[in-house]
PDB file of all heavy atoms in Angstrom:
ATOM      1  N   LEU A   1       3.229   2.393  -6.584  1.00  0.00           N
ATOM      2  CA  LEU A   1       2.648   3.789  -6.429  1.00  0.00           C
ATOM      3  C   LEU A   1       1.120   3.581  -6.538  1.00  0.00           C
ATOM      4  O   LEU A   1       0.322   4.255  -5.818  1.00  0.00           O
ATOM      5  CB  LEU A   1       3.088   4.772  -7.428  1.00  0.00           C
ATOM      6  CG  LEU A   1       2.542   6.160  -7.291  1.00  0.00           C
ATOM      7  CD1 LEU A   1       2.816   6.726  -5.877  1.00  0.00           C
ATOM      8  CD2 LEU A   1       3.088   7.156  -8.433  1.00  0.00           C
ATOM      9  N   HIS A   2       0.696   2.711  -7.475  1.00  0.00           N
ATOM     10  CA  HIS A   2      -0.763   2.380  -7.635  1.00  0.00           C
ATOM     11  C   HIS A   2      -1.024   0.921  -7.415  1.00  0.00           C
ATOM     12  O   HIS A   2      -1.282   0.107  -8.368  1.00  0.00           O
ATOM     13  CB  HIS A   2      -1.223   2.865  -9.069  1.00  0.00           C
ATOM     14  CG  HIS A   2      -0.921   4.276  -9.322  1.00  0.00           C
ATOM     15  ND1 HIS A   2      -1.739   5.315  -8.888  1.00  0.00           N
ATOM     16  CD2 HIS A   2       0.017   4.933 -10.018  1.00  0.00           C
ATOM     17  CE1 HIS A   2      -1.322   6.493  -9.286  1.00  0.00           C
ATOM     18  NE2 HIS A   2      -0.225   6.273  -9.935  1.00  0.00           N
ATOM     19  N   PRO A   3      -0.858   0.416  -6.246  1.00  0.00           N
ATOM     20  CA  PRO A   3      -0.923  -1.019  -6.017  1.00  0.00           C
ATOM     21  C   PRO A   3      -2.375  -1.587  -6.163  1.00  0.00           C
ATOM     22  O   PRO A   3      -3.325  -0.976  -5.725  1.00  0.00           O
ATOM     23  CB  PRO A   3      -0.507  -1.234  -4.585  1.00  0.00           C
ATOM     24  CG  PRO A   3      -0.775   0.142  -3.921  1.00  0.00           C
ATOM     25  CD  PRO A   3      -0.568   1.190  -5.023  1.00  0.00           C
ATOM     26  N   ASP A   4      -2.509  -2.687  -6.853  1.00  0.00           N
ATOM     27  CA  ASP A   4      -3.814  -3.320  -7.033  1.00  0.00           C
ATOM     28  C   ASP A   4      -4.186  -3.982  -5.705  1.00  0.00           C
ATOM     29  O   ASP A   4      -5.353  -4.092  -5.281  1.00  0.00           O
ATOM     30  CB  ASP A   4      -3.795  -4.346  -8.112  1.00  0.00           C
ATOM     31  CG  ASP A   4      -3.669  -3.681  -9.552  1.00  0.00           C
ATOM     32  OD1 ASP A   4      -4.082  -2.577  -9.643  1.00  0.00           O
ATOM     33  OD2 ASP A   4      -3.012  -4.318 -10.420  1.00  0.00           O
ATOM     34  N   LYS A   5      -3.197  -4.559  -5.022  1.00  0.00           N
ATOM     35  CA  LYS A   5      -3.357  -5.246  -3.809  1.00  0.00           C
ATOM     36  C   LYS A   5      -2.027  -5.345  -2.906  1.00  0.00           C
ATOM     37  O   LYS A   5      -0.980  -4.972  -3.478  1.00  0.00           O
ATOM     38  CB  LYS A   5      -3.842  -6.761  -3.991  1.00  0.00           C
ATOM     39  CG  LYS A   5      -2.859  -7.600  -4.851  1.00  0.00           C
ATOM     40  CD  LYS A   5      -3.393  -8.989  -5.060  1.00  0.00           C
ATOM     41  CE  LYS A   5      -2.416  -9.723  -5.820  1.00  0.00           C
ATOM     42  NZ  LYS A   5      -2.991 -11.210  -6.067  1.00  0.00           N
ATOM     43  N   ASP A   6      -2.210  -5.679  -1.702  1.00  0.00           N
ATOM     44  CA  ASP A   6      -0.981  -5.774  -0.877  1.00  0.00           C
ATOM     45  C   ASP A   6      -0.195  -6.939  -1.230  1.00  0.00           C
ATOM     46  O   ASP A   6      -0.854  -8.032  -1.418  1.00  0.00           O
ATOM     47  CB  ASP A   6      -1.343  -5.740   0.578  1.00  0.00           C
ATOM     48  CG  ASP A   6      -1.928  -4.432   1.095  1.00  0.00           C
ATOM     49  OD1 ASP A   6      -1.439  -3.357   0.527  1.00  0.00           O
ATOM     50  OD2 ASP A   6      -2.666  -4.402   2.049  1.00  0.00           O
ATOM     51  N   PRO A   7       1.142  -6.967  -1.179  1.00  0.00           N
ATOM     52  CA  PRO A   7       1.957  -8.124  -1.345  1.00  0.00           C
ATOM     53  C   PRO A   7       1.660  -9.132  -0.268  1.00  0.00           C
ATOM     54  O   PRO A   7       1.183  -8.713   0.898  1.00  0.00           O
ATOM     55  CB  PRO A   7       3.360  -7.639  -1.256  1.00  0.00           C
ATOM     56  CG  PRO A   7       3.254  -6.167  -1.544  1.00  0.00           C
ATOM     57  CD  PRO A   7       1.955  -5.771  -1.026  1.00  0.00           C
ATOM     58  N   PRO A   8       2.105 -10.385  -0.420  1.00  0.00           N
ATOM     59  CA  PRO A   8       1.887 -11.386   0.770  1.00  0.00           C
ATOM     60  C   PRO A   8       2.675 -10.918   1.958  1.00  0.00           C
ATOM     61  O   PRO A   8       3.781 -10.504   1.913  1.00  0.00           O
ATOM     62  CB  PRO A   8       2.501 -12.671   0.187  1.00  0.00           C
ATOM     63  CG  PRO A   8       2.404 -12.506  -1.378  1.00  0.00           C
ATOM     64  CD  PRO A   8       2.619 -11.049  -1.516  1.00  0.00           C
ATOM     65  N   ALA A   9       2.030 -11.109   3.110  1.00  0.00           N
ATOM     66  CA  ALA A   9       2.546 -10.692   4.484  1.00  0.00           C
ATOM     67  C   ALA A   9       3.067  -9.323   4.576  1.00  0.00           C
ATOM     68  O   ALA A   9       4.046  -9.008   5.266  1.00  0.00           O
ATOM     69  CB  ALA A   9       3.653 -11.650   4.754  1.00  0.00           C
ATOM     70  N   GLY A  10       2.492  -8.388   3.686  1.00  0.00           N
ATOM     71  CA  GLY A  10       2.892  -6.984   3.862  1.00  0.00           C
ATOM     72  C   GLY A  10       1.743  -6.066   3.558  1.00  0.00           C
ATOM     73  O   GLY A  10       0.618  -6.496   3.158  1.00  0.00           O
ATOM     74  N   VAL A  11       1.901  -4.788   3.828  1.00  0.00           N
ATOM     75  CA  VAL A  11       0.914  -3.755   3.624  1.00  0.00           C
ATOM     76  C   VAL A  11       1.463  -2.548   2.931  1.00  0.00           C
ATOM     77  O   VAL A  11       2.559  -2.127   3.303  1.00  0.00           O
ATOM     78  CB  VAL A  11       0.270  -3.344   4.967  1.00  0.00           C
ATOM     79  CG1 VAL A  11      -0.604  -2.217   4.843  1.00  0.00           C
ATOM     80  CG2 VAL A  11      -0.548  -4.585   5.608  1.00  0.00           C
ATOM     81  N   ILE A  12       0.771  -2.010   1.945  1.00  0.00           N
ATOM     82  CA  ILE A  12       1.104  -0.746   1.381  1.00  0.00           C
ATOM     83  C   ILE A  12       0.115   0.267   1.794  1.00  0.00           C
ATOM     84  O   ILE A  12      -1.078   0.194   1.443  1.00  0.00           O
ATOM     85  CB  ILE A  12       1.153  -0.775  -0.131  1.00  0.00           C
ATOM     86  CG1 ILE A  12       2.131  -1.922  -0.595  1.00  0.00           C
ATOM     87  CG2 ILE A  12       1.456   0.521  -0.773  1.00  0.00           C
ATOM     88  CD1 ILE A  12       2.073  -2.194  -2.062  1.00  0.00           C
ATOM     89  N   ARG A  13       0.484   1.140   2.719  1.00  0.00           N
ATOM     90  CA  ARG A  13      -0.578   2.147   3.272  1.00  0.00           C
ATOM     91  C   ARG A  13      -0.890   3.138   2.039  1.00  0.00           C
ATOM     92  O   ARG A  13      -0.082   3.484   1.244  1.00  0.00           O
ATOM     93  CB  ARG A  13       0.041   2.945   4.426  1.00  0.00           C
ATOM     94  CG  ARG A  13       0.255   2.045   5.647  1.00  0.00           C
ATOM     95  CD  ARG A  13       0.627   2.831   6.896  1.00  0.00           C
ATOM     96  NE  ARG A  13       1.027   1.981   7.954  1.00  0.00           N
ATOM     97  CZ  ARG A  13       1.417   2.435   9.132  1.00  0.00           C
ATOM     98  NH1 ARG A  13       1.398   3.875   9.315  1.00  0.00           N
ATOM     99  NH2 ARG A  13       1.733   1.651  10.070  1.00  0.00           N
ATOM    100  N   ARG A  14      -2.163   3.515   2.028  1.00  0.00           N
ATOM    101  CA  ARG A  14      -2.699   4.324   1.002  1.00  0.00           C
ATOM    102  C   ARG A  14      -3.116   5.694   1.446  1.00  0.00           C
ATOM    103  O   ARG A  14      -3.301   5.949   2.550  1.00  0.00           O
ATOM    104  CB  ARG A  14      -3.908   3.700   0.268  1.00  0.00           C
ATOM    105  CG  ARG A  14      -3.525   2.686  -0.823  1.00  0.00           C
ATOM    106  CD  ARG A  14      -3.695   1.258  -0.389  1.00  0.00           C
ATOM    107  NE  ARG A  14      -3.713   0.233  -1.338  1.00  0.00           N
ATOM    108  CZ  ARG A  14      -3.267  -0.921  -1.264  1.00  0.00           C
ATOM    109  NH1 ARG A  14      -2.728  -1.347  -0.037  1.00  0.00           N
ATOM    110  NH2 ARG A  14      -3.277  -1.777  -2.268  1.00  0.00           N
ATOM    111  N   GLU A  15      -3.238   6.608   0.534  1.00  0.00           N
ATOM    112  CA  GLU A  15      -3.706   7.901   0.841  1.00  0.00           C
ATOM    113  C   GLU A  15      -5.262   7.868   0.975  1.00  0.00           C
ATOM    114  O   GLU A  15      -5.824   6.832   0.915  1.00  0.00           O
ATOM    115  CB  GLU A  15      -3.267   8.906  -0.288  1.00  0.00           C
ATOM    116  CG  GLU A  15      -1.771   8.979  -0.324  1.00  0.00           C
ATOM    117  CD  GLU A  15      -1.294  10.021  -1.435  1.00  0.00           C
ATOM    118  OE1 GLU A  15      -2.175  10.274  -2.455  1.00  0.00           O
ATOM    119  OE2 GLU A  15      -0.164  10.434  -1.455  1.00  0.00           O
ATOM    120  N   ALA A  16      -5.830   9.002   1.128  1.00  0.00           N
ATOM    121  CA  ALA A  16      -7.267   9.076   1.568  1.00  0.00           C
ATOM    122  C   ALA A  16      -8.133   8.412   0.496  1.00  0.00           C
ATOM    123  O   ALA A  16      -9.227   7.967   0.741  1.00  0.00           O
ATOM    124  CB  ALA A  16      -7.738  10.520   1.686  1.00  0.00           C
ATOM    125  N   ASP A  17      -7.680   8.474  -0.881  1.00  0.00           N
ATOM    126  CA  ASP A  17      -8.514   7.834  -1.896  1.00  0.00           C
ATOM    127  C   ASP A  17      -8.420   6.315  -1.904  1.00  0.00           C
ATOM    128  O   ASP A  17      -9.299   5.737  -2.653  1.00  0.00           O
ATOM    129  CB  ASP A  17      -8.030   8.310  -3.284  1.00  0.00           C
ATOM    130  CG  ASP A  17      -6.620   7.902  -3.601  1.00  0.00           C
ATOM    131  OD1 ASP A  17      -6.059   7.159  -2.824  1.00  0.00           O
ATOM    132  OD2 ASP A  17      -6.143   8.291  -4.730  1.00  0.00           O
ATOM    133  N   GLY A  18      -7.683   5.729  -1.001  1.00  0.00           N
ATOM    134  CA  GLY A  18      -7.639   4.288  -0.884  1.00  0.00           C
ATOM    135  C   GLY A  18      -6.956   3.632  -2.062  1.00  0.00           C
ATOM    136  O   GLY A  18      -6.969   2.376  -2.212  1.00  0.00           O
ATOM    137  N   LYS A  19      -6.306   4.421  -2.938  1.00  0.00           N
ATOM    138  CA  LYS A  19      -5.785   3.848  -4.214  1.00  0.00           C
ATOM    139  C   LYS A  19      -4.145   4.101  -4.267  1.00  0.00           C
ATOM    140  O   LYS A  19      -3.516   3.233  -4.650  1.00  0.00           O
ATOM    141  CB  LYS A  19      -6.397   4.353  -5.426  1.00  0.00           C
ATOM    142  CG  LYS A  19      -7.931   3.983  -5.533  1.00  0.00           C
ATOM    143  CD  LYS A  19      -8.517   4.547  -6.722  1.00  0.00           C
ATOM    144  CE  LYS A  19     -10.077   4.167  -6.694  1.00  0.00           C
ATOM    145  NZ  LYS A  19     -10.798   4.803  -7.959  1.00  0.00           N
ATOM    146  N   ILE A  20      -3.789   5.320  -4.138  1.00  0.00           N
ATOM    147  CA  ILE A  20      -2.396   5.678  -4.257  1.00  0.00           C
ATOM    148  C   ILE A  20      -1.619   5.497  -3.041  1.00  0.00           C
ATOM    149  O   ILE A  20      -2.096   5.875  -1.918  1.00  0.00           O
ATOM    150  CB  ILE A  20      -2.338   7.240  -4.699  1.00  0.00           C
ATOM    151  CG1 ILE A  20      -3.116   7.367  -6.025  1.00  0.00           C
ATOM    152  CG2 ILE A  20      -0.835   7.600  -4.951  1.00  0.00           C
ATOM    153  CD1 ILE A  20      -3.253   8.821  -6.525  1.00  0.00           C
ATOM    154  N   ALA A  21      -0.441   5.017  -3.091  1.00  0.00           N
ATOM    155  CA  ALA A  21       0.397   4.667  -1.905  1.00  0.00           C
ATOM    156  C   ALA A  21       0.757   5.961  -1.234  1.00  0.00           C
ATOM    157  O   ALA A  21       1.125   6.915  -1.888  1.00  0.00           O
ATOM    158  CB  ALA A  21       1.793   3.963  -2.427  1.00  0.00           C
ATOM    159  N   SER A  22       0.721   5.951   0.140  1.00  0.00           N
ATOM    160  CA  SER A  22       1.001   7.200   0.934  1.00  0.00           C
ATOM    161  C   SER A  22       2.543   7.318   1.043  1.00  0.00           C
ATOM    162  O   SER A  22       2.997   8.347   1.358  1.00  0.00           O
ATOM    163  CB  SER A  22       0.453   7.003   2.375  1.00  0.00           C
ATOM    164  OG  SER A  22       1.055   5.938   3.011  1.00  0.00           O
ATOM    165  N   GLY A  23       3.317   6.191   0.828  1.00  0.00           N
ATOM    166  CA  GLY A  23       4.676   6.234   1.062  1.00  0.00           C
ATOM    167  C   GLY A  23       5.143   5.316   2.083  1.00  0.00           C
ATOM    168  O   GLY A  23       6.318   4.894   2.133  1.00  0.00           O
ATOM    169  N   VAL A  24       4.260   4.904   3.017  1.00  0.00           N
ATOM    170  CA  VAL A  24       4.676   4.084   4.127  1.00  0.00           C
ATOM    171  C   VAL A  24       4.348   2.472   3.757  1.00  0.00           C
ATOM    172  O   VAL A  24       3.288   2.166   3.302  1.00  0.00           O
ATOM    173  CB  VAL A  24       3.873   4.381   5.356  1.00  0.00           C
ATOM    174  CG1 VAL A  24       4.288   3.410   6.486  1.00  0.00           C
ATOM    175  CG2 VAL A  24       4.126   5.836   5.765  1.00  0.00           C
ATOM    176  N   ILE A  25       5.369   1.705   3.837  1.00  0.00           N
ATOM    177  CA  ILE A  25       5.311   0.315   3.461  1.00  0.00           C
ATOM    178  C   ILE A  25       5.579  -0.564   4.795  1.00  0.00           C
ATOM    179  O   ILE A  25       6.510  -0.233   5.556  1.00  0.00           O
ATOM    180  CB  ILE A  25       6.390  -0.031   2.421  1.00  0.00           C
ATOM    181  CG1 ILE A  25       6.369   0.965   1.167  1.00  0.00           C
ATOM    182  CG2 ILE A  25       6.334  -1.417   1.922  1.00  0.00           C
ATOM    183  CD1 ILE A  25       5.121   0.935   0.411  1.00  0.00           C
ATOM    184  N   GLU A  26       4.899  -1.719   4.876  1.00  0.00           N
ATOM    185  CA  GLU A  26       5.033  -2.541   6.007  1.00  0.00           C
ATOM    186  C   GLU A  26       5.445  -3.953   5.575  1.00  0.00           C
ATOM    187  O   GLU A  26       5.068  -4.509   4.633  1.00  0.00           O
ATOM    188  CB  GLU A  26       3.706  -2.600   6.738  1.00  0.00           C
ATOM    189  CG  GLU A  26       3.082  -1.360   7.329  1.00  0.00           C
ATOM    190  CD  GLU A  26       1.764  -1.580   8.004  1.00  0.00           C
ATOM    191  OE1 GLU A  26       1.331  -2.817   8.267  1.00  0.00           O
ATOM    192  OE2 GLU A  26       1.105  -0.641   8.318  1.00  0.00           O
ATOM    193  N   GLU A  27       6.369  -4.478   6.449  1.00  0.00           N
ATOM    194  CA  GLU A  27       6.632  -5.913   6.456  1.00  0.00           C
ATOM    195  C   GLU A  27       6.990  -6.507   5.089  1.00  0.00           C
ATOM    196  O   GLU A  27       7.913  -5.968   4.441  1.00  0.00           O
ATOM    197  CB  GLU A  27       5.454  -6.707   7.141  1.00  0.00           C
ATOM    198  CG  GLU A  27       5.145  -6.257   8.464  1.00  0.00           C
ATOM    199  CD  GLU A  27       6.206  -6.498   9.598  1.00  0.00           C
ATOM    200  OE1 GLU A  27       7.150  -7.161   9.304  1.00  0.00           O
ATOM    201  OE2 GLU A  27       6.103  -5.819  10.619  1.00  0.00           O
ATOM    202  N   GLY A  28       6.367  -7.581   4.679  1.00  0.00           N
ATOM    203  CA  GLY A  28       6.749  -8.266   3.451  1.00  0.00           C
ATOM    204  C   GLY A  28       6.850  -7.352   2.200  1.00  0.00           C
ATOM    205  O   GLY A  28       7.522  -7.779   1.262  1.00  0.00           O
TER     206      GLY A  28
END
């Protein structure tokens, strides 16, 4: 929910504040 960084080979999309996860997760 509050990711410091994206995991390897993956992306955690964030909300407008750039900090809290939007809910959409990619790849790794």
